[in-house]
């Protein structure tokens, strides 16, 4: 129908041009509703020459913002933002005229988010950007979230579990005894590199330097809109790094490369060149869901005596803990983890560096005595 458009999700909205100015409605589920909104908006514009800003809802501004915003950020980040907006922001603000939303109401919403959600600051930022879009369009004069204060009480991130040395030895022993080579290598690469799970399943054979025993981490498997997998960049530029691994890991990888090629050919699939062939592929020789790494870890964990609720990221904390407690320079730990700076590492592992300093001081005092 003229002046009605439909998006890929099957939603409708009106659009029209009047005296050189473009007007668009917010997406809705019904063609009939979009047509009704079109007639109302056209009548309003012809009568008054404008659409009253006081009637524009937060949801409408949100839709306008997302229309401009989509495509400017990476798919996985965009999906996370869409989910947070849908689950937390739009239920609180969506149907209110955006010009009527007060600072007090925003403060009460933020206080609620802070008590319930660890990522409350990020969600506040998403809401704030919609208000900023309304400011850009001269619908409102200020962003109420600019005046919202930090809550006195908020939900803190849960402690980061990691494995002690004896627990890591037990976990690796069980993994080695019970897992097929491919799954065992997933666990081993997690343990030896401190990589994120998306980075592990994002490794290709060109990532491995068999001569110099190194692994280059420069890609990550991510989930975009519609739960579609894609091979994207690492978390940030500093996350691109090359790390050294032990000879046994390299030898096991070489063994798996041969087994994988045979499996792929047996399945009547094509073995790709090293720059395209994933080390940890799915049954169709394509990208593996990062969630599968979590499943492998749980499979091993259930066969151990370890009572901690650990996941793939726990091995990142484990690597860092053992390295720092072992006296490794913090800049080297930062480089291995792909942190933007040593400051990030220090912020995440302050308790460990303090313990290390205390241990060093006690050792120094034991040596120097009563000098």
Protein backbone atom coordinates (compact mmCIF):
# COMPACT_ATOMS: atom_id res chain seq x y z
CA UNK A 1 0.00 0.00 0.00
CA UNK A 2 1.15 3.53 -0.73
CA UNK A 3 2.78 5.28 2.24
CA UNK A 4 3.01 2.03 4.25
CA UNK A 5 6.25 0.06 4.46
CA UNK A 6 6.96 -3.38 5.85
CA UNK A 7 10.25 -4.54 7.39
CA UNK A 8 11.89 -7.97 7.48
CA UNK A 9 10.26 -8.75 10.84
CA UNK A 10 6.79 -8.35 9.35
CA UNK A 11 6.04 -5.01 11.03
CA UNK A 12 4.46 -1.96 9.41
CA UNK A 13 4.72 1.82 9.65
CA UNK A 14 3.51 4.83 7.74
CA UNK A 15 5.60 7.43 5.97
CA UNK A 16 4.76 10.52 3.95
CA UNK A 17 6.15 13.86 2.89
CA UNK A 18 4.39 17.17 3.45
CA UNK A 19 5.77 20.56 2.44
CA UNK A 20 9.29 19.22 2.11
CA UNK A 21 9.36 17.48 5.50
CA UNK A 22 9.41 13.71 5.97
CA UNK A 23 7.20 12.01 8.55
CA UNK A 24 7.45 8.41 9.75
CA UNK A 25 5.53 6.45 12.33
CA UNK A 26 6.77 3.78 14.73
CA UNK A 27 6.73 0.12 13.71
CA UNK A 28 3.57 -1.78 14.66
CA UNK A 29 2.33 -5.34 14.17
CA UNK A 30 -0.80 -4.53 12.17
CA UNK A 31 -1.20 -3.13 8.65
CA UNK A 32 -4.61 -1.80 9.64
CA UNK A 33 -3.12 0.04 12.63
CA UNK A 34 -0.34 1.53 10.50
CA UNK A 35 -2.99 2.73 7.99
CA UNK A 36 -5.04 4.25 10.80
CA UNK A 37 -1.96 6.05 12.18
CA UNK A 38 -1.20 7.32 8.66
CA UNK A 39 -4.62 8.91 8.24
CA UNK A 40 -4.43 10.48 11.70
CA UNK A 41 -0.93 11.87 11.13
CA UNK A 42 -1.77 13.26 7.70
CA UNK A 43 -4.91 14.91 9.05
CA UNK A 44 -2.93 16.40 11.94
CA UNK A 45 -0.23 17.79 9.70
CA UNK A 46 -2.70 19.29 7.21
CA UNK A 47 -4.66 20.90 10.03
CA UNK A 48 -1.85 22.25 12.24
CA UNK A 49 1.16 22.12 9.94
CA UNK A 50 3.09 19.85 12.35
CA UNK A 51 2.86 16.79 14.59
CA UNK A 52 2.72 17.78 18.25
CA UNK A 53 6.02 16.83 19.92
CA UNK A 54 4.12 16.16 23.11
CA UNK A 55 2.49 13.14 21.49
CA UNK A 56 5.69 11.50 20.22
CA UNK A 57 6.42 8.43 22.31
CA UNK A 58 9.75 7.09 23.52
CA UNK A 59 9.18 4.04 21.29
CA UNK A 60 8.86 6.22 18.18
CA UNK A 61 12.14 8.00 18.91
CA UNK A 62 13.72 4.62 19.69
CA UNK A 63 12.67 3.34 16.25
CA UNK A 64 14.08 6.44 14.54
CA UNK A 65 17.35 6.08 16.42
CA UNK A 66 17.72 2.39 15.64
CA UNK A 67 17.05 3.06 11.97
CA UNK A 68 20.14 5.30 11.88
CA UNK A 69 22.10 3.23 14.36
CA UNK A 70 21.73 -0.20 12.72
CA UNK A 71 24.77 -1.06 10.63
CA UNK A 72 27.06 1.32 12.50
CA UNK A 73 28.00 -1.24 15.15
CA UNK A 74 28.99 -4.90 15.05
CA UNK A 75 26.27 -7.54 14.88
CA UNK A 76 26.83 -9.17 18.28
CA UNK A 77 26.91 -5.80 20.02
CA UNK A 78 23.80 -4.72 18.16
CA UNK A 79 21.98 -7.89 19.18
CA UNK A 80 22.88 -7.36 22.86
CA UNK A 81 21.66 -3.77 22.66
CA UNK A 82 18.39 -4.82 21.00
CA UNK A 83 17.80 -7.46 23.68
CA UNK A 84 18.46 -5.02 26.54
CA UNK A 85 16.24 -2.36 24.98
CA UNK A 86 13.45 -4.86 24.40
CA UNK A 87 13.67 -6.52 27.84
CA UNK A 88 14.49 -3.59 30.11
CA UNK A 89 14.14 -0.15 28.49
CA UNK A 90 11.02 -0.25 26.30
CA UNK A 91 8.81 -1.85 28.99
CA UNK A 92 9.61 1.12 31.27
CA UNK A 93 9.48 3.98 28.76
CA UNK A 94 8.11 2.75 25.42
CA UNK A 95 4.52 4.00 25.45
CA UNK A 96 5.07 7.27 27.33
CA UNK A 97 5.28 10.56 25.41
CA UNK A 98 9.01 11.20 25.61
CA UNK A 99 8.56 14.88 26.47
CA UNK A 100 6.59 13.92 29.59
CA UNK A 101 9.20 11.60 31.13
CA UNK A 102 10.67 13.21 34.23
CA UNK A 103 14.01 13.00 36.01
CA UNK A 104 12.29 11.51 39.06
CA UNK A 105 10.78 8.71 37.01
CA UNK A 106 14.14 7.97 35.35
CA UNK A 107 15.80 7.91 38.77
CA UNK A 108 13.26 5.39 40.09
CA UNK A 109 13.75 3.17 37.03
CA UNK A 110 17.52 3.34 37.33
CA UNK A 111 17.38 2.53 41.05
CA UNK A 112 15.34 -0.56 40.15
CA UNK A 113 17.76 -1.61 37.39
CA UNK A 114 20.71 -1.15 39.75
CA UNK A 115 19.24 -3.56 42.29
CA UNK A 116 18.34 -6.22 39.72
CA UNK A 117 20.93 -6.01 36.94
CA UNK A 118 24.73 -6.17 36.97
CA UNK A 119 24.87 -4.31 33.64
CA UNK A 120 22.66 -1.45 34.81
CA UNK A 121 25.11 1.25 33.69
CA UNK A 122 25.13 -0.01 30.11
CA UNK A 123 21.32 -0.21 30.01
CA UNK A 124 21.10 3.34 31.33
CA UNK A 125 23.37 4.34 28.46
CA UNK A 126 21.03 2.72 25.94
CA UNK A 127 18.05 4.65 27.31
CA UNK A 128 20.05 7.87 27.40
CA UNK A 129 20.92 7.60 23.72
CA UNK A 130 17.23 7.57 22.80
CA UNK A 131 16.71 10.76 24.80
CA UNK A 132 19.73 12.28 23.04
CA UNK A 133 18.11 11.42 19.71
CA UNK A 134 14.96 13.25 20.84
CA UNK A 135 17.14 16.27 21.70
CA UNK A 136 18.70 16.14 18.24
CA UNK A 137 15.22 16.28 16.73
CA UNK A 138 14.18 19.22 18.97
CA UNK A 139 11.51 17.10 20.64
CA UNK A 140 12.96 17.66 24.14
CA UNK A 141 15.52 20.12 25.48
CA UNK A 142 17.48 17.84 27.83
CA UNK A 143 18.23 14.20 28.59
CA UNK A 144 16.74 13.42 32.03
CA UNK A 145 19.37 10.72 32.58
CA UNK A 146 22.03 13.46 32.67
CA UNK A 147 20.55 14.42 36.06
CA UNK A 148 20.05 10.89 37.40
CA UNK A 149 22.37 10.06 40.30
CA UNK A 150 24.28 6.88 41.12
CA UNK A 151 22.07 4.60 43.25
CA UNK A 152 23.11 4.08 46.87
CA UNK A 153 22.51 0.34 46.52
CA UNK A 154 23.27 -1.72 43.47
CA UNK A 155 23.88 -5.29 42.40
CA UNK A 156 27.56 -6.16 42.37
CA UNK A 157 29.13 -8.66 39.98
CA UNK A 158 29.46 -12.13 41.47
CA UNK A 159 32.97 -13.30 42.45
CA UNK A 160 34.98 -14.68 39.54
CA UNK A 161 35.54 -18.38 40.10
CA UNK A 162 38.84 -19.88 39.13
CA UNK A 163 40.53 -23.22 39.69
CA UNK A 164 43.30 -23.74 42.18
CA UNK A 165 46.37 -25.53 40.85
CA UNK A 166 45.33 -28.98 42.14
CA UNK A 167 41.81 -28.47 40.77
CA UNK A 168 43.19 -27.53 37.36
CA UNK A 169 45.36 -30.67 37.35
CA UNK A 170 42.30 -32.82 38.19
CA UNK A 171 40.15 -31.13 35.55
CA UNK A 172 42.78 -31.53 32.83
CA UNK A 173 43.38 -35.18 33.81
CA UNK A 174 39.67 -36.04 33.54
CA UNK A 175 39.38 -34.13 30.26
CA UNK A 176 42.35 -35.99 28.80
CA UNK A 177 40.99 -39.40 29.86
CA UNK A 178 37.35 -38.93 28.84
CA UNK A 179 37.16 -36.54 25.90
CA UNK A 180 37.84 -37.20 22.21
CA UNK A 181 40.79 -35.25 20.82
CA UNK A 182 38.78 -32.36 19.39
CA UNK A 183 36.95 -31.62 22.63
CA UNK A 184 40.09 -32.11 24.69
CA UNK A 185 41.91 -29.56 22.55
CA UNK A 186 39.13 -27.03 23.16
CA UNK A 187 39.72 -27.42 26.91
CA UNK A 188 43.50 -27.42 26.54
CA UNK A 189 43.57 -24.24 24.43
CA UNK A 190 41.36 -22.53 27.03
CA UNK A 191 43.76 -23.59 29.77
CA UNK A 192 46.99 -22.71 27.96
CA UNK A 193 46.02 -19.35 26.44
CA UNK A 194 43.43 -17.71 28.68
CA UNK A 195 41.43 -16.99 25.52
CA UNK A 196 37.72 -16.24 25.44
CA UNK A 197 35.44 -19.01 24.17
CA UNK A 198 34.49 -17.07 21.03
CA UNK A 199 38.19 -16.61 20.29
CA UNK A 200 38.86 -20.34 20.70
CA UNK A 201 36.16 -21.42 18.23
CA UNK A 202 37.28 -18.56 15.97
CA UNK A 203 40.72 -20.11 15.41
CA UNK A 204 41.67 -21.24 11.90
CA UNK A 205 44.62 -23.40 10.94
CA UNK A 206 46.41 -20.30 9.69
CA UNK A 207 46.28 -19.10 13.32
CA UNK A 208 48.77 -21.82 14.32
CA UNK A 209 52.51 -21.43 13.81
CA UNK A 210 53.67 -25.04 14.17
CA UNK A 211 57.32 -24.02 13.82
CA UNK A 212 57.43 -21.41 16.57
CA UNK A 213 54.72 -22.89 18.88
CA UNK A 214 52.44 -19.85 18.78
CA UNK A 215 48.74 -19.17 18.31
CA UNK A 216 47.53 -15.89 16.83
CA UNK A 217 44.18 -14.75 18.17
CA UNK A 218 42.64 -12.19 15.82
CA UNK A 219 39.06 -13.40 15.24
CA UNK A 220 36.07 -14.39 17.32
CA UNK A 221 32.85 -16.25 16.52
CA UNK A 222 29.91 -14.03 17.41
CA UNK A 223 26.13 -14.20 17.38
CA UNK A 224 24.34 -11.50 15.42
CA UNK A 225 20.71 -10.51 15.00
CA UNK A 226 18.56 -13.58 14.43
CA UNK A 227 21.11 -15.77 16.24
CA UNK A 228 23.20 -16.03 13.08
CA UNK A 229 26.88 -16.83 13.60
CA UNK A 230 29.64 -14.86 11.94
CA UNK A 231 33.42 -14.66 12.23
CA UNK A 232 34.15 -11.14 13.41
CA UNK A 233 36.86 -9.11 15.07
CA UNK A 234 38.05 -9.77 18.58
CA UNK A 235 36.57 -7.73 21.43
CA UNK A 236 38.82 -4.76 20.59
CA UNK A 237 42.08 -3.98 18.78
CA UNK A 238 44.21 -4.89 21.80
CA UNK A 239 42.59 -8.33 21.87
CA UNK A 240 44.48 -9.25 18.69
CA UNK A 241 47.55 -11.03 20.00
CA UNK A 242 49.99 -13.88 19.49
CA UNK A 243 50.61 -16.21 22.43
CA UNK A 244 53.09 -19.01 23.01
CA UNK A 245 51.95 -22.52 23.90
CA UNK A 246 53.72 -25.71 24.91
CA UNK A 247 55.06 -28.26 22.46
CA UNK A 248 52.55 -30.94 23.47
CA UNK A 249 49.62 -28.69 22.58
CA UNK A 250 51.14 -27.97 19.16
CA UNK A 251 51.70 -31.69 18.56
CA UNK A 252 48.11 -32.48 19.51
CA UNK A 253 46.87 -29.77 17.16
CA UNK A 254 48.92 -31.28 14.32
CA UNK A 255 47.39 -34.68 15.08
CA UNK A 256 43.88 -33.20 15.10
CA UNK A 257 44.49 -31.46 11.77
CA UNK A 258 45.03 -34.85 10.13
CA UNK A 259 42.02 -36.43 11.84
CA UNK A 260 39.81 -33.48 10.96
CA UNK A 261 40.71 -33.60 7.27
CA UNK A 262 39.80 -37.30 7.17
CA UNK A 263 36.50 -36.69 8.99
CA UNK A 264 35.53 -33.86 6.64
CA UNK A 265 36.28 -35.88 3.52
CA UNK A 266 34.41 -38.89 4.94
CA UNK A 267 31.39 -36.62 5.36
CA UNK A 268 31.65 -35.65 1.68
CA UNK A 269 32.58 -32.11 2.59
CA UNK A 270 35.47 -30.01 1.34
CA UNK A 271 38.57 -29.32 3.40
CA UNK A 272 39.16 -25.60 3.11
CA UNK A 273 42.47 -23.82 2.86
CA UNK A 274 44.15 -23.00 6.17
CA UNK A 275 43.03 -19.35 6.20
CA UNK A 276 39.36 -20.47 6.04
CA UNK A 277 39.31 -23.88 7.72
CA UNK A 278 38.12 -23.62 11.31
CA UNK A 279 40.07 -25.73 13.81
CA UNK A 280 36.91 -26.43 15.79
CA UNK A 281 34.17 -26.82 13.18
CA UNK A 282 30.57 -28.03 13.39
CA UNK A 283 29.15 -31.10 11.63
CA UNK A 284 28.78 -29.14 8.38
CA UNK A 285 32.34 -27.79 8.48
CA UNK A 286 31.14 -24.34 9.40
CA UNK A 287 31.26 -22.13 12.48
CA UNK A 288 30.71 -23.72 15.88
CA UNK A 289 28.44 -22.05 18.43
CA UNK A 290 30.53 -20.67 21.34
CA UNK A 291 27.92 -22.24 23.66
CA UNK A 292 29.36 -25.65 22.69
CA UNK A 293 32.54 -24.72 24.59
CA UNK A 294 30.46 -24.23 27.72
CA UNK A 295 28.89 -27.68 27.18
CA UNK A 296 32.34 -29.31 26.90
CA UNK A 297 33.51 -27.70 30.15
CA UNK A 298 30.36 -28.85 31.97
CA UNK A 299 30.76 -32.36 30.56
CA UNK A 300 34.18 -32.63 32.19
CA UNK A 301 33.24 -30.78 35.38
CA UNK A 302 30.43 -33.26 36.10
CA UNK A 303 33.02 -36.07 36.19
CA UNK A 304 35.33 -34.37 38.69
CA UNK A 305 35.15 -33.75 42.43
CA UNK A 306 35.26 -29.98 41.85
CA UNK A 307 32.23 -28.22 43.39
CA UNK A 308 32.80 -24.78 41.84
CA UNK A 309 30.37 -23.61 39.17
CA UNK A 310 32.93 -22.81 36.49
CA UNK A 311 32.55 -22.09 32.79
CA UNK A 312 34.89 -21.33 29.86
CA UNK A 313 35.70 -17.85 31.18
CA UNK A 314 36.87 -19.37 34.45
CA UNK A 315 39.98 -20.64 32.68
CA UNK A 316 40.82 -17.06 31.75
CA UNK A 317 40.70 -16.16 35.44
CA UNK A 318 42.60 -19.33 36.30
CA UNK A 319 45.41 -18.52 33.87
CA UNK A 320 45.64 -14.96 35.24
CA UNK A 321 45.58 -16.11 38.86
CA UNK A 322 48.33 -18.69 38.42
CA UNK A 323 50.44 -16.29 36.35
CA UNK A 324 50.20 -13.39 38.81
CA UNK A 325 50.71 -15.61 41.86
CA UNK A 326 53.67 -17.13 40.06
CA UNK A 327 55.27 -13.71 39.79
CA UNK A 328 54.70 -12.96 36.10
CA UNK A 329 55.03 -9.28 35.25
CA UNK A 330 51.60 -7.63 35.02
CA UNK A 331 52.36 -6.20 31.57
CA UNK A 332 52.97 -9.73 30.25
CA UNK A 333 49.73 -10.95 31.83
CA UNK A 334 47.92 -8.04 30.18
CA UNK A 335 49.42 -8.84 26.78
CA UNK A 336 48.45 -12.52 27.06
CA UNK A 337 44.85 -11.67 27.92
CA UNK A 338 44.57 -9.00 25.24
CA UNK A 339 43.69 -6.21 27.66
CA UNK A 340 43.86 -2.65 26.37
CA UNK A 341 46.30 -1.73 29.14
CA UNK A 342 47.88 -3.06 32.31
CA UNK A 343 45.41 -0.85 34.16
CA UNK A 344 42.56 -3.11 33.03
CA UNK A 345 44.38 -6.17 34.33
CA UNK A 346 45.14 -4.46 37.64
CA UNK A 347 41.49 -3.45 38.04
CA UNK A 348 40.29 -7.01 37.42
CA UNK A 349 42.88 -8.73 39.59
CA UNK A 350 43.66 -6.18 42.31
CA UNK A 351 43.22 -8.79 45.04
CA UNK A 352 45.86 -10.99 43.43
CA UNK A 353 48.43 -8.24 42.95
CA UNK A 354 47.94 -7.21 46.58
CA UNK A 355 48.48 -10.82 47.71
CA UNK A 356 51.57 -11.02 45.51
CA UNK A 357 53.00 -7.81 46.98
CA UNK A 358 52.34 -9.08 50.49
CA UNK A 359 54.04 -12.39 49.71
CA UNK A 360 57.05 -10.58 48.22
CA UNK A 361 57.36 -8.34 51.30
CA UNK A 362 57.26 -11.33 53.68
CA UNK A 363 59.92 -13.11 51.65
CA UNK A 364 62.06 -9.95 51.69
CA UNK A 365 61.68 -9.59 55.45
CA UNK A 366 62.63 -13.25 55.94
CA UNK A 367 65.81 -12.70 53.96
CA UNK A 368 66.84 -9.37 55.44
CA UNK A 369 65.92 -10.18 59.02
CA UNK A 370 66.41 -7.19 61.34
CA UNK A 371 68.52 -4.98 59.05
